[in-house]
PDB file of N, CA and C in Angstrom:
ATOM      1  N   MET A   1      11.537  34.487  23.800  1.00  0.00           N
ATOM      2  CA  MET A   1      12.012  33.145  23.553  1.00  0.00           C
ATOM      3  C   MET A   1      11.352  32.199  24.555  1.00  0.00           C
ATOM      4  N   GLU A   2      10.881  31.085  24.064  1.00  0.00           N
ATOM      5  CA  GLU A   2      10.226  30.093  24.889  1.00  0.00           C
ATOM      6  C   GLU A   2      11.252  29.338  25.733  1.00  0.00           C
ATOM      7  N   GLU A   3      10.957  29.197  27.020  1.00  0.00           N
ATOM      8  CA  GLU A   3      11.830  28.452  27.926  1.00  0.00           C
ATOM      9  C   GLU A   3      11.679  26.955  27.635  1.00  0.00           C
ATOM     10  N   ARG A   4      12.793  26.303  27.335  1.00  0.00           N
ATOM     11  CA  ARG A   4      12.745  24.883  26.990  1.00  0.00           C
ATOM     12  C   ARG A   4      13.384  23.994  28.053  1.00  0.00           C
ATOM     13  N   ARG A   5      13.930  24.584  29.077  1.00  0.00           N
ATOM     14  CA  ARG A   5      14.606  23.798  30.109  1.00  0.00           C
ATOM     15  C   ARG A   5      13.602  23.016  30.936  1.00  0.00           C
ATOM     16  N   LYS A   6      13.969  21.783  31.242  1.00  0.00           N
ATOM     17  CA  LYS A   6      13.117  20.940  32.075  1.00  0.00           C
ATOM     18  C   LYS A   6      13.346  21.216  33.549  1.00  0.00           C
ATOM     19  N   ASN A   7      14.551  21.676  33.887  1.00  0.00           N
ATOM     20  CA  ASN A   7      14.911  21.894  35.282  1.00  0.00           C
ATOM     21  C   ASN A   7      15.506  23.280  35.463  1.00  0.00           C
ATOM     22  N   LYS A   8      15.237  23.863  36.613  1.00  0.00           N
ATOM     23  CA  LYS A   8      15.707  25.205  36.924  1.00  0.00           C
ATOM     24  C   LYS A   8      17.227  25.223  37.099  1.00  0.00           C
ATOM     25  N   ARG A   9      17.880  26.218  36.493  1.00  0.00           N
ATOM     26  CA  ARG A   9      19.317  26.415  36.706  1.00  0.00           C
ATOM     27  C   ARG A   9      19.516  27.208  37.986  1.00  0.00           C
ATOM     28  N   LEU A  10      20.491  26.770  38.755  1.00  0.00           N
ATOM     29  CA  LEU A  10      20.800  27.424  40.018  1.00  0.00           C
ATOM     30  C   LEU A  10      22.216  27.965  39.958  1.00  0.00           C
ATOM     31  N   PRO A  11      22.426  29.172  40.478  1.00  0.00           N
ATOM     32  CA  PRO A  11      23.795  29.702  40.477  1.00  0.00           C
ATOM     33  C   PRO A  11      24.667  28.893  41.439  1.00  0.00           C
ATOM     34  N   ILE A  12      25.896  28.664  41.031  1.00  0.00           N
ATOM     35  CA  ILE A  12      26.854  27.962  41.870  1.00  0.00           C
ATOM     36  C   ILE A  12      28.233  28.398  41.425  1.00  0.00           C
ATOM     37  N   ARG A  13      29.177  28.398  42.333  1.00  0.00           N
ATOM     38  CA  ARG A  13      30.553  28.743  41.999  1.00  0.00           C
ATOM     39  C   ARG A  13      31.436  27.579  42.396  1.00  0.00           C
ATOM     40  N   LEU A  14      31.935  26.864  41.399  1.00  0.00           N
ATOM     41  CA  LEU A  14      32.838  25.741  41.622  1.00  0.00           C
ATOM     42  C   LEU A  14      34.017  25.869  40.683  1.00  0.00           C
ATOM     43  N   GLU A  15      35.156  25.491  41.148  1.00  0.00           N
ATOM     44  CA  GLU A  15      36.340  25.398  40.306  1.00  0.00           C
ATOM     45  C   GLU A  15      36.627  23.912  40.123  1.00  0.00           C
ATOM     46  N   LEU A  16      36.709  23.473  38.897  1.00  0.00           N
ATOM     47  CA  LEU A  16      37.022  22.081  38.598  1.00  0.00           C
ATOM     48  C   LEU A  16      38.244  22.020  37.705  1.00  0.00           C
ATOM     49  N   ALA A  17      38.914  20.900  37.738  1.00  0.00           N
ATOM     50  CA  ALA A  17      40.048  20.670  36.841  1.00  0.00           C
ATOM     51  C   ALA A  17      39.759  19.418  36.033  1.00  0.00           C
ATOM     52  N   ILE A  18      39.850  19.543  34.718  1.00  0.00           N
ATOM     53  CA  ILE A  18      39.637  18.399  33.835  1.00  0.00           C
ATOM     54  C   ILE A  18      40.998  17.773  33.545  1.00  0.00           C
ATOM     55  N   ASN A  19      41.112  16.489  33.828  1.00  0.00           N
ATOM     56  CA  ASN A  19      42.362  15.777  33.555  1.00  0.00           C
ATOM     57  C   ASN A  19      42.386  15.168  32.159  1.00  0.00           C
ATOM     58  N   GLU A  20      41.210  14.766  31.689  1.00  0.00           N
ATOM     59  CA  GLU A  20      41.117  14.219  30.340  1.00  0.00           C
ATOM     60  C   GLU A  20      39.684  14.272  29.859  1.00  0.00           C
ATOM     61  N   LEU A  21      39.538  14.344  28.554  1.00  0.00           N
ATOM     62  CA  LEU A  21      38.241  14.215  27.902  1.00  0.00           C
ATOM     63  C   LEU A  21      38.233  12.863  27.212  1.00  0.00           C
ATOM     64  N   PHE A  22      37.071  12.236  27.152  1.00  0.00           N
ATOM     65  CA  PHE A  22      37.005  10.932  26.493  1.00  0.00           C
ATOM     66  C   PHE A  22      35.675  10.770  25.793  1.00  0.00           C
ATOM     67  N   ARG A  23      35.674   9.828  24.838  1.00  0.00           N
ATOM     68  CA  ARG A  23      34.453   9.475  24.120  1.00  0.00           C
ATOM     69  C   ARG A  23      34.213   7.986  24.293  1.00  0.00           C
ATOM     70  N   GLN A  24      33.025   7.558  23.913  1.00  0.00           N
ATOM     71  CA  GLN A  24      32.670   6.154  24.083  1.00  0.00           C
ATOM     72  C   GLN A  24      33.502   5.228  23.209  1.00  0.00           C
ATOM     73  N   ASP A  25      34.107   5.762  22.164  1.00  0.00           N
ATOM     74  CA  ASP A  25      34.944   4.917  21.312  1.00  0.00           C
ATOM     75  C   ASP A  25      36.381   4.837  21.832  1.00  0.00           C
ATOM     76  N   HIS A  26      36.555   5.179  23.106  1.00  0.00           N
ATOM     77  CA  HIS A  26      37.843   5.083  23.806  1.00  0.00           C
ATOM     78  C   HIS A  26      38.877   6.090  23.323  1.00  0.00           C
ATOM     79  N   GLU A  27      38.454   7.121  22.626  1.00  0.00           N
ATOM     80  CA  GLU A  27      39.372   8.193  22.253  1.00  0.00           C
ATOM     81  C   GLU A  27      39.548   9.088  23.476  1.00  0.00           C
ATOM     82  N   ILE A  28      40.785   9.370  23.854  1.00  0.00           N
ATOM     83  CA  ILE A  28      41.090  10.161  25.038  1.00  0.00           C
ATOM     84  C   ILE A  28      41.936  11.369  24.643  1.00  0.00           C
ATOM     85  N   ILE A  29      41.577  12.529  25.194  1.00  0.00           N
ATOM     86  CA  ILE A  29      42.349  13.746  24.989  1.00  0.00           C
ATOM     87  C   ILE A  29      42.877  14.180  26.356  1.00  0.00           C
ATOM     88  N   PRO A  30      44.186  14.107  26.595  1.00  0.00           N
ATOM     89  CA  PRO A  30      44.724  14.581  27.880  1.00  0.00           C
ATOM     90  C   PRO A  30      44.539  16.088  28.007  1.00  0.00           C
ATOM     91  N   MET A  31      44.193  16.537  29.220  1.00  0.00           N
ATOM     92  CA  MET A  31      43.944  17.963  29.439  1.00  0.00           C
ATOM     93  C   MET A  31      44.872  18.566  30.500  1.00  0.00           C
ATOM     94  N   VAL A  32      45.524  17.783  31.302  1.00  0.00           N
ATOM     95  CA  VAL A  32      46.467  18.225  32.325  1.00  0.00           C
ATOM     96  C   VAL A  32      45.879  19.338  33.209  1.00  0.00           C
ATOM     97  N   ASN A  33      44.868  18.978  33.968  1.00  0.00           N
ATOM     98  CA  ASN A  33      44.250  19.882  34.947  1.00  0.00           C
ATOM     99  C   ASN A  33      43.750  21.203  34.348  1.00  0.00           C
ATOM    100  N   LYS A  34      43.069  21.133  33.231  1.00  0.00           N
ATOM    101  CA  LYS A  34      42.477  22.323  32.612  1.00  0.00           C
ATOM    102  C   LYS A  34      41.383  22.854  33.551  1.00  0.00           C
ATOM    103  N   GLU A  35      41.533  24.103  33.978  1.00  0.00           N
ATOM    104  CA  GLU A  35      40.587  24.683  34.920  1.00  0.00           C
ATOM    105  C   GLU A  35      39.331  25.177  34.226  1.00  0.00           C
ATOM    106  N   ILE A  36      38.202  24.886  34.863  1.00  0.00           N
ATOM    107  CA  ILE A  36      36.916  25.400  34.407  1.00  0.00           C
ATOM    108  C   ILE A  36      36.211  26.031  35.603  1.00  0.00           C
ATOM    109  N   HIS A  37      35.305  26.940  35.323  1.00  0.00           N
ATOM    110  CA  HIS A  37      34.570  27.648  36.362  1.00  0.00           C
ATOM    111  C   HIS A  37      33.083  27.347  36.183  1.00  0.00           C
ATOM    112  N   VAL A  38      32.531  26.504  37.048  1.00  0.00           N
ATOM    113  CA  VAL A  38      31.120  26.136  36.965  1.00  0.00           C
ATOM    114  C   VAL A  38      30.294  27.316  37.463  1.00  0.00           C
ATOM    115  N   VAL A  39      29.312  27.724  36.659  1.00  0.00           N
ATOM    116  CA  VAL A  39      28.502  28.896  36.999  1.00  0.00           C
ATOM    117  C   VAL A  39      27.051  28.556  37.329  1.00  0.00           C
ATOM    118  N   ASN A  40      26.569  27.388  36.880  1.00  0.00           N
ATOM    119  CA  ASN A  40      25.220  26.991  37.248  1.00  0.00           C
ATOM    120  C   ASN A  40      25.083  25.475  37.218  1.00  0.00           C
ATOM    121  N   ILE A  41      24.032  25.015  37.894  1.00  0.00           N
ATOM    122  CA  ILE A  41      23.769  23.583  37.997  1.00  0.00           C
ATOM    123  C   ILE A  41      22.265  23.367  37.976  1.00  0.00           C
ATOM    124  N   SER A  42      21.845  22.237  37.447  1.00  0.00           N
ATOM    125  CA  SER A  42      20.448  21.823  37.504  1.00  0.00           C
ATOM    126  C   SER A  42      20.440  20.326  37.769  1.00  0.00           C
ATOM    127  N   ARG A  43      19.265  19.754  37.872  1.00  0.00           N
ATOM    128  CA  ARG A  43      19.167  18.310  38.087  1.00  0.00           C
ATOM    129  C   ARG A  43      19.785  17.520  36.927  1.00  0.00           C
ATOM    130  N   THR A  44      19.874  18.134  35.772  1.00  0.00           N
ATOM    131  CA  THR A  44      20.333  17.388  34.597  1.00  0.00           C
ATOM    132  C   THR A  44      21.727  17.740  34.121  1.00  0.00           C
ATOM    133  N   GLY A  45      22.364  18.799  34.692  1.00  0.00           N
ATOM    134  CA  GLY A  45      23.694  19.122  34.214  1.00  0.00           C
ATOM    135  C   GLY A  45      24.284  20.380  34.818  1.00  0.00           C
ATOM    136  N   ILE A  46      25.389  20.825  34.215  1.00  0.00           N
ATOM    137  CA  ILE A  46      26.090  22.020  34.691  1.00  0.00           C
ATOM    138  C   ILE A  46      26.400  22.933  33.508  1.00  0.00           C
ATOM    139  N   GLY A  47      26.623  24.193  33.818  1.00  0.00           N
ATOM    140  CA  GLY A  47      27.126  25.158  32.852  1.00  0.00           C
ATOM    141  C   GLY A  47      28.444  25.673  33.383  1.00  0.00           C
ATOM    142  N   PHE A  48      29.431  25.834  32.488  1.00  0.00           N
ATOM    143  CA  PHE A  48      30.720  26.326  32.947  1.00  0.00           C
ATOM    144  C   PHE A  48      31.385  27.216  31.921  1.00  0.00           C
ATOM    145  N   GLU A  49      32.345  28.010  32.396  1.00  0.00           N
ATOM    146  CA  GLU A  49      33.150  28.888  31.554  1.00  0.00           C
ATOM    147  C   GLU A  49      34.544  28.298  31.435  1.00  0.00           C
ATOM    148  N   CYS A  50      35.133  28.467  30.256  1.00  0.00           N
ATOM    149  CA  CYS A  50      36.494  27.992  30.032  1.00  0.00           C
ATOM    150  C   CYS A  50      37.081  28.800  28.878  1.00  0.00           C
ATOM    151  N   GLU A  51      38.312  29.250  29.035  1.00  0.00           N
ATOM    152  CA  GLU A  51      38.954  30.020  27.967  1.00  0.00           C
ATOM    153  C   GLU A  51      39.368  29.117  26.804  1.00  0.00           C
ATOM    154  N   SER A  52      39.588  27.849  27.075  1.00  0.00           N
ATOM    155  CA  SER A  52      40.030  26.907  26.038  1.00  0.00           C
ATOM    156  C   SER A  52      38.863  26.420  25.196  1.00  0.00           C
ATOM    157  N   GLU A  53      39.203  25.974  23.997  1.00  0.00           N
ATOM    158  CA  GLU A  53      38.233  25.335  23.117  1.00  0.00           C
ATOM    159  C   GLU A  53      38.147  23.859  23.506  1.00  0.00           C
ATOM    160  N   LEU A  54      36.957  23.396  23.825  1.00  0.00           N
ATOM    161  CA  LEU A  54      36.749  21.992  24.154  1.00  0.00           C
ATOM    162  C   LEU A  54      35.789  21.395  23.131  1.00  0.00           C
ATOM    163  N   PRO A  55      36.019  20.150  22.723  1.00  0.00           N
ATOM    164  CA  PRO A  55      35.154  19.543  21.711  1.00  0.00           C
ATOM    165  C   PRO A  55      33.812  19.086  22.282  1.00  0.00           C
ATOM    166  N   LEU A  56      32.774  19.255  21.481  1.00  0.00           N
ATOM    167  CA  LEU A  56      31.446  18.776  21.862  1.00  0.00           C
ATOM    168  C   LEU A  56      31.397  17.263  21.743  1.00  0.00           C
ATOM    169  N   GLY A  57      30.522  16.651  22.531  1.00  0.00           N
ATOM    170  CA  GLY A  57      30.336  15.210  22.460  1.00  0.00           C
ATOM    171  C   GLY A  57      31.333  14.407  23.280  1.00  0.00           C
ATOM    172  N   TYR A  58      32.216  15.082  24.001  1.00  0.00           N
ATOM    173  CA  TYR A  58      33.190  14.405  24.858  1.00  0.00           C
ATOM    174  C   TYR A  58      32.714  14.451  26.303  1.00  0.00           C
ATOM    175  N   TYR A  59      33.255  13.550  27.100  1.00  0.00           N
ATOM    176  CA  TYR A  59      32.884  13.393  28.502  1.00  0.00           C
ATOM    177  C   TYR A  59      34.075  13.711  29.398  1.00  0.00           C
ATOM    178  N   PHE A  60      33.771  14.042  30.664  1.00  0.00           N
ATOM    179  CA  PHE A  60      34.830  14.116  31.666  1.00  0.00           C
ATOM    180  C   PHE A  60      34.251  13.792  33.039  1.00  0.00           C
ATOM    181  N   ASP A  61      35.135  13.393  33.943  1.00  0.00           N
ATOM    182  CA  ASP A  61      34.756  13.080  35.315  1.00  0.00           C
ATOM    183  C   ASP A  61      34.785  14.366  36.138  1.00  0.00           C
ATOM    184  N   ALA A  62      33.823  14.498  37.055  1.00  0.00           N
ATOM    185  CA  ALA A  62      33.754  15.699  37.879  1.00  0.00           C
ATOM    186  C   ALA A  62      33.348  15.338  39.304  1.00  0.00           C
ATOM    187  N   ARG A  63      33.747  16.184  40.215  1.00  0.00           N
ATOM    188  CA  ARG A  63      33.274  16.104  41.597  1.00  0.00           C
ATOM    189  C   ARG A  63      32.531  17.410  41.855  1.00  0.00           C
ATOM    190  N   ILE A  64      31.250  17.299  42.174  1.00  0.00           N
ATOM    191  CA  ILE A  64      30.404  18.456  42.434  1.00  0.00           C
ATOM    192  C   ILE A  64      30.317  18.639  43.949  1.00  0.00           C
ATOM    193  N   ASP A  65      30.855  19.756  44.436  1.00  0.00           N
ATOM    194  CA  ASP A  65      30.875  20.066  45.870  1.00  0.00           C
ATOM    195  C   ASP A  65      29.877  21.165  46.187  1.00  0.00           C
ATOM    196  N   PHE A  66      28.898  20.847  47.023  1.00  0.00           N
ATOM    197  CA  PHE A  66      27.981  21.871  47.522  1.00  0.00           C
ATOM    198  C   PHE A  66      28.553  22.477  48.805  1.00  0.00           C
ATOM    199  N   ASP A  67      29.133  21.630  49.619  1.00  0.00           N
ATOM    200  CA  ASP A  67      29.876  22.032  50.811  1.00  0.00           C
ATOM    201  C   ASP A  67      30.740  20.842  51.203  1.00  0.00           C
ATOM    202  N   LYS A  68      31.392  20.916  52.361  1.00  0.00           N
ATOM    203  CA  LYS A  68      32.340  19.853  52.737  1.00  0.00           C
ATOM    204  C   LYS A  68      31.683  18.491  52.927  1.00  0.00           C
ATOM    205  N   LEU A  69      30.399  18.482  53.276  1.00  0.00           N
ATOM    206  CA  LEU A  69      29.710  17.221  53.528  1.00  0.00           C
ATOM    207  C   LEU A  69      28.850  16.753  52.366  1.00  0.00           C
ATOM    208  N   ASN A  70      28.452  17.656  51.490  1.00  0.00           N
ATOM    209  CA  ASN A  70      27.554  17.316  50.386  1.00  0.00           C
ATOM    210  C   ASN A  70      28.262  17.464  49.051  1.00  0.00           C
ATOM    211  N   TYR A  71      28.551  16.340  48.450  1.00  0.00           N
ATOM    212  CA  TYR A  71      29.212  16.315  47.151  1.00  0.00           C
ATOM    213  C   TYR A  71      28.890  14.988  46.474  1.00  0.00           C
ATOM    214  N   PHE A  72      29.167  14.924  45.181  1.00  0.00           N
ATOM    215  CA  PHE A  72      29.054  13.652  44.475  1.00  0.00           C
ATOM    216  C   PHE A  72      29.977  13.651  43.273  1.00  0.00           C
ATOM    217  N   TYR A  73      30.329  12.453  42.854  1.00  0.00           N
ATOM    218  CA  TYR A  73      31.147  12.254  41.659  1.00  0.00           C
ATOM    219  C   TYR A  73      30.215  11.918  40.507  1.00  0.00           C
ATOM    220  N   CYS A  74      30.573  12.395  39.322  1.00  0.00           N
ATOM    221  CA  CYS A  74      29.712  12.143  38.171  1.00  0.00           C
ATOM    222  C   CYS A  74      30.521  12.201  36.880  1.00  0.00           C
ATOM    223  N   VAL A  75      29.873  11.784  35.815  1.00  0.00           N
ATOM    224  CA  VAL A  75      30.403  11.941  34.463  1.00  0.00           C
ATOM    225  C   VAL A  75      29.478  12.918  33.761  1.00  0.00           C
ATOM    226  N   VAL A  76      30.069  13.889  33.065  1.00  0.00           N
ATOM    227  CA  VAL A  76      29.269  14.851  32.311  1.00  0.00           C
ATOM    228  C   VAL A  76      29.689  14.835  30.843  1.00  0.00           C
ATOM    229  N   LYS A  77      28.730  15.126  29.995  1.00  0.00           N
ATOM    230  CA  LYS A  77      28.969  15.184  28.552  1.00  0.00           C
ATOM    231  C   LYS A  77      28.803  16.622  28.092  1.00  0.00           C
ATOM    232  N   ILE A  78      29.781  17.121  27.334  1.00  0.00           N
ATOM    233  CA  ILE A  78      29.722  18.479  26.792  1.00  0.00           C
ATOM    234  C   ILE A  78      28.755  18.459  25.601  1.00  0.00           C
ATOM    235  N   VAL A  79      27.667  19.232  25.708  1.00  0.00           N
ATOM    236  CA  VAL A  79      26.640  19.177  24.663  1.00  0.00           C
ATOM    237  C   VAL A  79      26.456  20.476  23.881  1.00  0.00           C
ATOM    238  N   ARG A  80      26.923  21.612  24.425  1.00  0.00           N
ATOM    239  CA  ARG A  80      26.786  22.860  23.678  1.00  0.00           C
ATOM    240  C   ARG A  80      27.860  23.855  24.091  1.00  0.00           C
ATOM    241  N   LYS A  81      28.123  24.793  23.189  1.00  0.00           N
ATOM    242  CA  LYS A  81      29.119  25.832  23.435  1.00  0.00           C
ATOM    243  C   LYS A  81      28.599  27.139  22.851  1.00  0.00           C
ATOM    244  N   VAL A  82      28.794  28.240  23.609  1.00  0.00           N
ATOM    245  CA  VAL A  82      28.416  29.571  23.163  1.00  0.00           C
ATOM    246  C   VAL A  82      29.589  30.494  23.468  1.00  0.00           C
ATOM    247  N   ASP A  83      29.976  31.314  22.491  1.00  0.00           N
ATOM    248  CA  ASP A  83      31.016  32.308  22.725  1.00  0.00           C
ATOM    249  C   ASP A  83      30.368  33.527  23.371  1.00  0.00           C
ATOM    250  N   HIS A  84      30.921  33.962  24.515  1.00  0.00           N
ATOM    251  CA  HIS A  84      30.347  35.091  25.245  1.00  0.00           C
ATOM    252  C   HIS A  84      31.476  36.012  25.692  1.00  0.00           C
ATOM    253  N   ASP A  85      31.651  37.109  24.987  1.00  0.00           N
ATOM    254  CA  ASP A  85      32.672  38.108  25.315  1.00  0.00           C
ATOM    255  C   ASP A  85      34.065  37.500  25.477  1.00  0.00           C
ATOM    256  N   GLY A  86      34.462  36.660  24.550  1.00  0.00           N
ATOM    257  CA  GLY A  86      35.796  36.078  24.567  1.00  0.00           C
ATOM    258  C   GLY A  86      35.972  34.878  25.472  1.00  0.00           C
ATOM    259  N   THR A  87      34.921  34.499  26.173  1.00  0.00           N
ATOM    260  CA  THR A  87      34.953  33.312  27.027  1.00  0.00           C
ATOM    261  C   THR A  87      33.975  32.304  26.458  1.00  0.00           C
ATOM    262  N   ASN A  88      34.346  31.060  26.510  1.00  0.00           N
ATOM    263  CA  ASN A  88      33.465  29.993  26.041  1.00  0.00           C
ATOM    264  C   ASN A  88      32.561  29.544  27.182  1.00  0.00           C
ATOM    265  N   LEU A  89      31.261  29.545  26.935  1.00  0.00           N
ATOM    266  CA  LEU A  89      30.291  29.011  27.884  1.00  0.00           C
ATOM    267  C   LEU A  89      29.850  27.646  27.374  1.00  0.00           C
ATOM    268  N   TYR A  90      29.973  26.645  28.213  1.00  0.00           N
ATOM    269  CA  TYR A  90      29.634  25.281  27.828  1.00  0.00           C
ATOM    270  C   TYR A  90      28.460  24.775  28.647  1.00  0.00           C
ATOM    271  N   GLY A  91      27.640  23.959  28.018  1.00  0.00           N
ATOM    272  CA  GLY A  91      26.559  23.263  28.694  1.00  0.00           C
ATOM    273  C   GLY A  91      26.859  21.780  28.686  1.00  0.00           C
ATOM    274  N   CYS A  92      26.692  21.157  29.824  1.00  0.00           N
ATOM    275  CA  CYS A  92      26.961  19.725  29.962  1.00  0.00           C
ATOM    276  C   CYS A  92      25.774  19.044  30.618  1.00  0.00           C
ATOM    277  N   GLU A  93      25.575  17.789  30.288  1.00  0.00           N
ATOM    278  CA  GLU A  93      24.534  17.015  30.938  1.00  0.00           C
ATOM    279  C   GLU A  93      25.165  15.881  31.732  1.00  0.00           C
ATOM    280  N   PHE A  94      24.546  15.577  32.879  1.00  0.00           N
ATOM    281  CA  PHE A  94      24.998  14.440  33.665  1.00  0.00           C
ATOM    282  C   PHE A  94      24.683  13.167  32.910  1.00  0.00           C
ATOM    283  N   VAL A  95      25.579  12.191  32.992  1.00  0.00           N
ATOM    284  CA  VAL A  95      25.386  10.919  32.314  1.00  0.00           C
ATOM    285  C   VAL A  95      25.130   9.842  33.365  1.00  0.00           C
ATOM    286  N   GLY A  96      23.958   9.219  33.300  1.00  0.00           N
ATOM    287  CA  GLY A  96      23.645   8.105  34.187  1.00  0.00           C
ATOM    288  C   GLY A  96      23.657   8.446  35.658  1.00  0.00           C
ATOM    289  N   LEU A  97      23.230   9.656  36.022  1.00  0.00           N
ATOM    290  CA  LEU A  97      23.251  10.078  37.412  1.00  0.00           C
ATOM    291  C   LEU A  97      22.123   9.386  38.175  1.00  0.00           C
ATOM    292  N   ALA A  98      22.473   8.714  39.250  1.00  0.00           N
ATOM    293  CA  ALA A  98      21.482   8.016  40.067  1.00  0.00           C
ATOM    294  C   ALA A  98      20.518   9.017  40.699  1.00  0.00           C
ATOM    295  N   GLU A  99      19.295   8.584  40.908  1.00  0.00           N
ATOM    296  CA  GLU A  99      18.252   9.458  41.458  1.00  0.00           C
ATOM    297  C   GLU A  99      18.644  10.031  42.816  1.00  0.00           C
ATOM    298  N   PHE A 100      19.262   9.224  43.669  1.00  0.00           N
ATOM    299  CA  PHE A 100      19.624   9.739  44.987  1.00  0.00           C
ATOM    300  C   PHE A 100      20.691  10.825  44.890  1.00  0.00           C
ATOM    301  N   LEU A 101      21.491  10.822  43.823  1.00  0.00           N
ATOM    302  CA  LEU A 101      22.477  11.886  43.640  1.00  0.00           C
ATOM    303  C   LEU A 101      21.828  13.150  43.087  1.00  0.00           C
ATOM    304  N   SER A 102      20.874  12.988  42.184  1.00  0.00           N
ATOM    305  CA  SER A 102      20.194  14.179  41.667  1.00  0.00           C
ATOM    306  C   SER A 102      19.366  14.854  42.765  1.00  0.00           C
ATOM    307  N   LYS A 103      18.997  14.107  43.792  1.00  0.00           N
ATOM    308  CA  LYS A 103      18.286  14.710  44.927  1.00  0.00           C
ATOM    309  C   LYS A 103      19.199  15.655  45.695  1.00  0.00           C
ATOM    310  N   LYS A 104      20.509  15.462  45.611  1.00  0.00           N
ATOM    311  CA  LYS A 104      21.442  16.409  46.237  1.00  0.00           C
ATOM    312  C   LYS A 104      21.310  17.789  45.575  1.00  0.00           C
ATOM    313  N   VAL A 105      21.031  17.799  44.279  1.00  0.00           N
ATOM    314  CA  VAL A 105      20.800  19.076  43.586  1.00  0.00           C
ATOM    315  C   VAL A 105      19.506  19.700  44.092  1.00  0.00           C
ATOM    316  N   ASP A 106      18.476  18.871  44.321  1.00  0.00           N
ATOM    317  CA  ASP A 106      17.215  19.387  44.880  1.00  0.00           C
ATOM    318  C   ASP A 106      17.442  20.003  46.259  1.00  0.00           C
ATOM    319  N   GLU A 107      18.257  19.343  47.082  1.00  0.00           N
ATOM    320  CA  GLU A 107      18.566  19.868  48.412  1.00  0.00           C
ATOM    321  C   GLU A 107      19.309  21.200  48.302  1.00  0.00           C
ATOM    322  N   TYR A 108      20.228  21.273  47.338  1.00  0.00           N
ATOM    323  CA  TYR A 108      20.951  22.524  47.118  1.00  0.00           C
ATOM    324  C   TYR A 108      19.970  23.620  46.699  1.00  0.00           C
ATOM    325  N   GLN A 109      19.040  23.301  45.809  1.00  0.00           N
ATOM    326  CA  GLN A 109      18.042  24.276  45.371  1.00  0.00           C
ATOM    327  C   GLN A 109      17.229  24.770  46.564  1.00  0.00           C
ATOM    328  N   ALA A 110      16.822  23.877  47.439  1.00  0.00           N
ATOM    329  CA  ALA A 110      16.048  24.277  48.614  1.00  0.00           C
ATOM    330  C   ALA A 110      16.849  25.233  49.497  1.00  0.00           C
ATOM    331  N   SER A 111      18.151  24.965  49.656  1.00  0.00           N
ATOM    332  CA  SER A 111      18.969  25.841  50.500  1.00  0.00           C
ATOM    333  C   SER A 111      19.180  27.204  49.834  1.00  0.00           C
ATOM    334  N   VAL A 112      19.343  27.225  48.504  1.00  0.00           N
ATOM    335  CA  VAL A 112      19.484  28.494  47.789  1.00  0.00           C
ATOM    336  C   VAL A 112      18.207  29.320  47.933  1.00  0.00           C
ATOM    337  N   GLU A 113      17.070  28.701  47.723  1.00  0.00           N
ATOM    338  CA  GLU A 113      15.796  29.419  47.812  1.00  0.00           C
ATOM    339  C   GLU A 113      15.517  29.869  49.232  1.00  0.00           C
ATOM    340  N   GLU A 114      15.934  29.072  50.225  1.00  0.00           N
ATOM    341  CA  GLU A 114      15.751  29.441  51.630  1.00  0.00           C
ATOM    342  C   GLU A 114      16.575  30.687  51.960  1.00  0.00           C
ATOM    343  N   ASN A 115      17.776  30.773  51.414  1.00  0.00           N
ATOM    344  CA  ASN A 115      18.642  31.931  51.666  1.00  0.00           C
ATOM    345  C   ASN A 115      18.156  33.202  50.979  1.00  0.00           C
ATOM    346  N   LEU A 116      17.318  33.042  49.950  1.00  0.00           N
ATOM    347  CA  LEU A 116      16.771  34.206  49.259  1.00  0.00           C
ATOM    348  C   LEU A 116      15.614  34.839  50.029  1.00  0.00           C
ATOM    349  N   ASP A 117      14.995  34.043  50.875  1.00  0.00           N
ATOM    350  CA  ASP A 117      13.834  34.554  51.656  1.00  0.00           C
ATOM    351  C   ASP A 117      14.239  35.510  52.735  1.00  0.00           C
TER     352      ASP A 117
END
């Protein structure tokens, strides 16, 4: 299979809670702290696992923590879902992420690669 990703996925372990999903037409779905487990990150988005069914095309607010000093807030859009052994794997893209924030992902990548050496 041909690799189509523009940016390298990096392993990461984050626990996030979704309070609500929303769309641009102001439709809101309350989620009441639905837990998700982020498994990878790239300059353009995140991948996460969730036991619940989440609708594609919806957005949610997230805080991405690399460590206590390096984090950023963002909006992500759910763009794909794959069923994997009874768990839903979702792919999300960052929406309107400023360049200086995406550089935090580059810094994280450098630290991950440095630790592999």
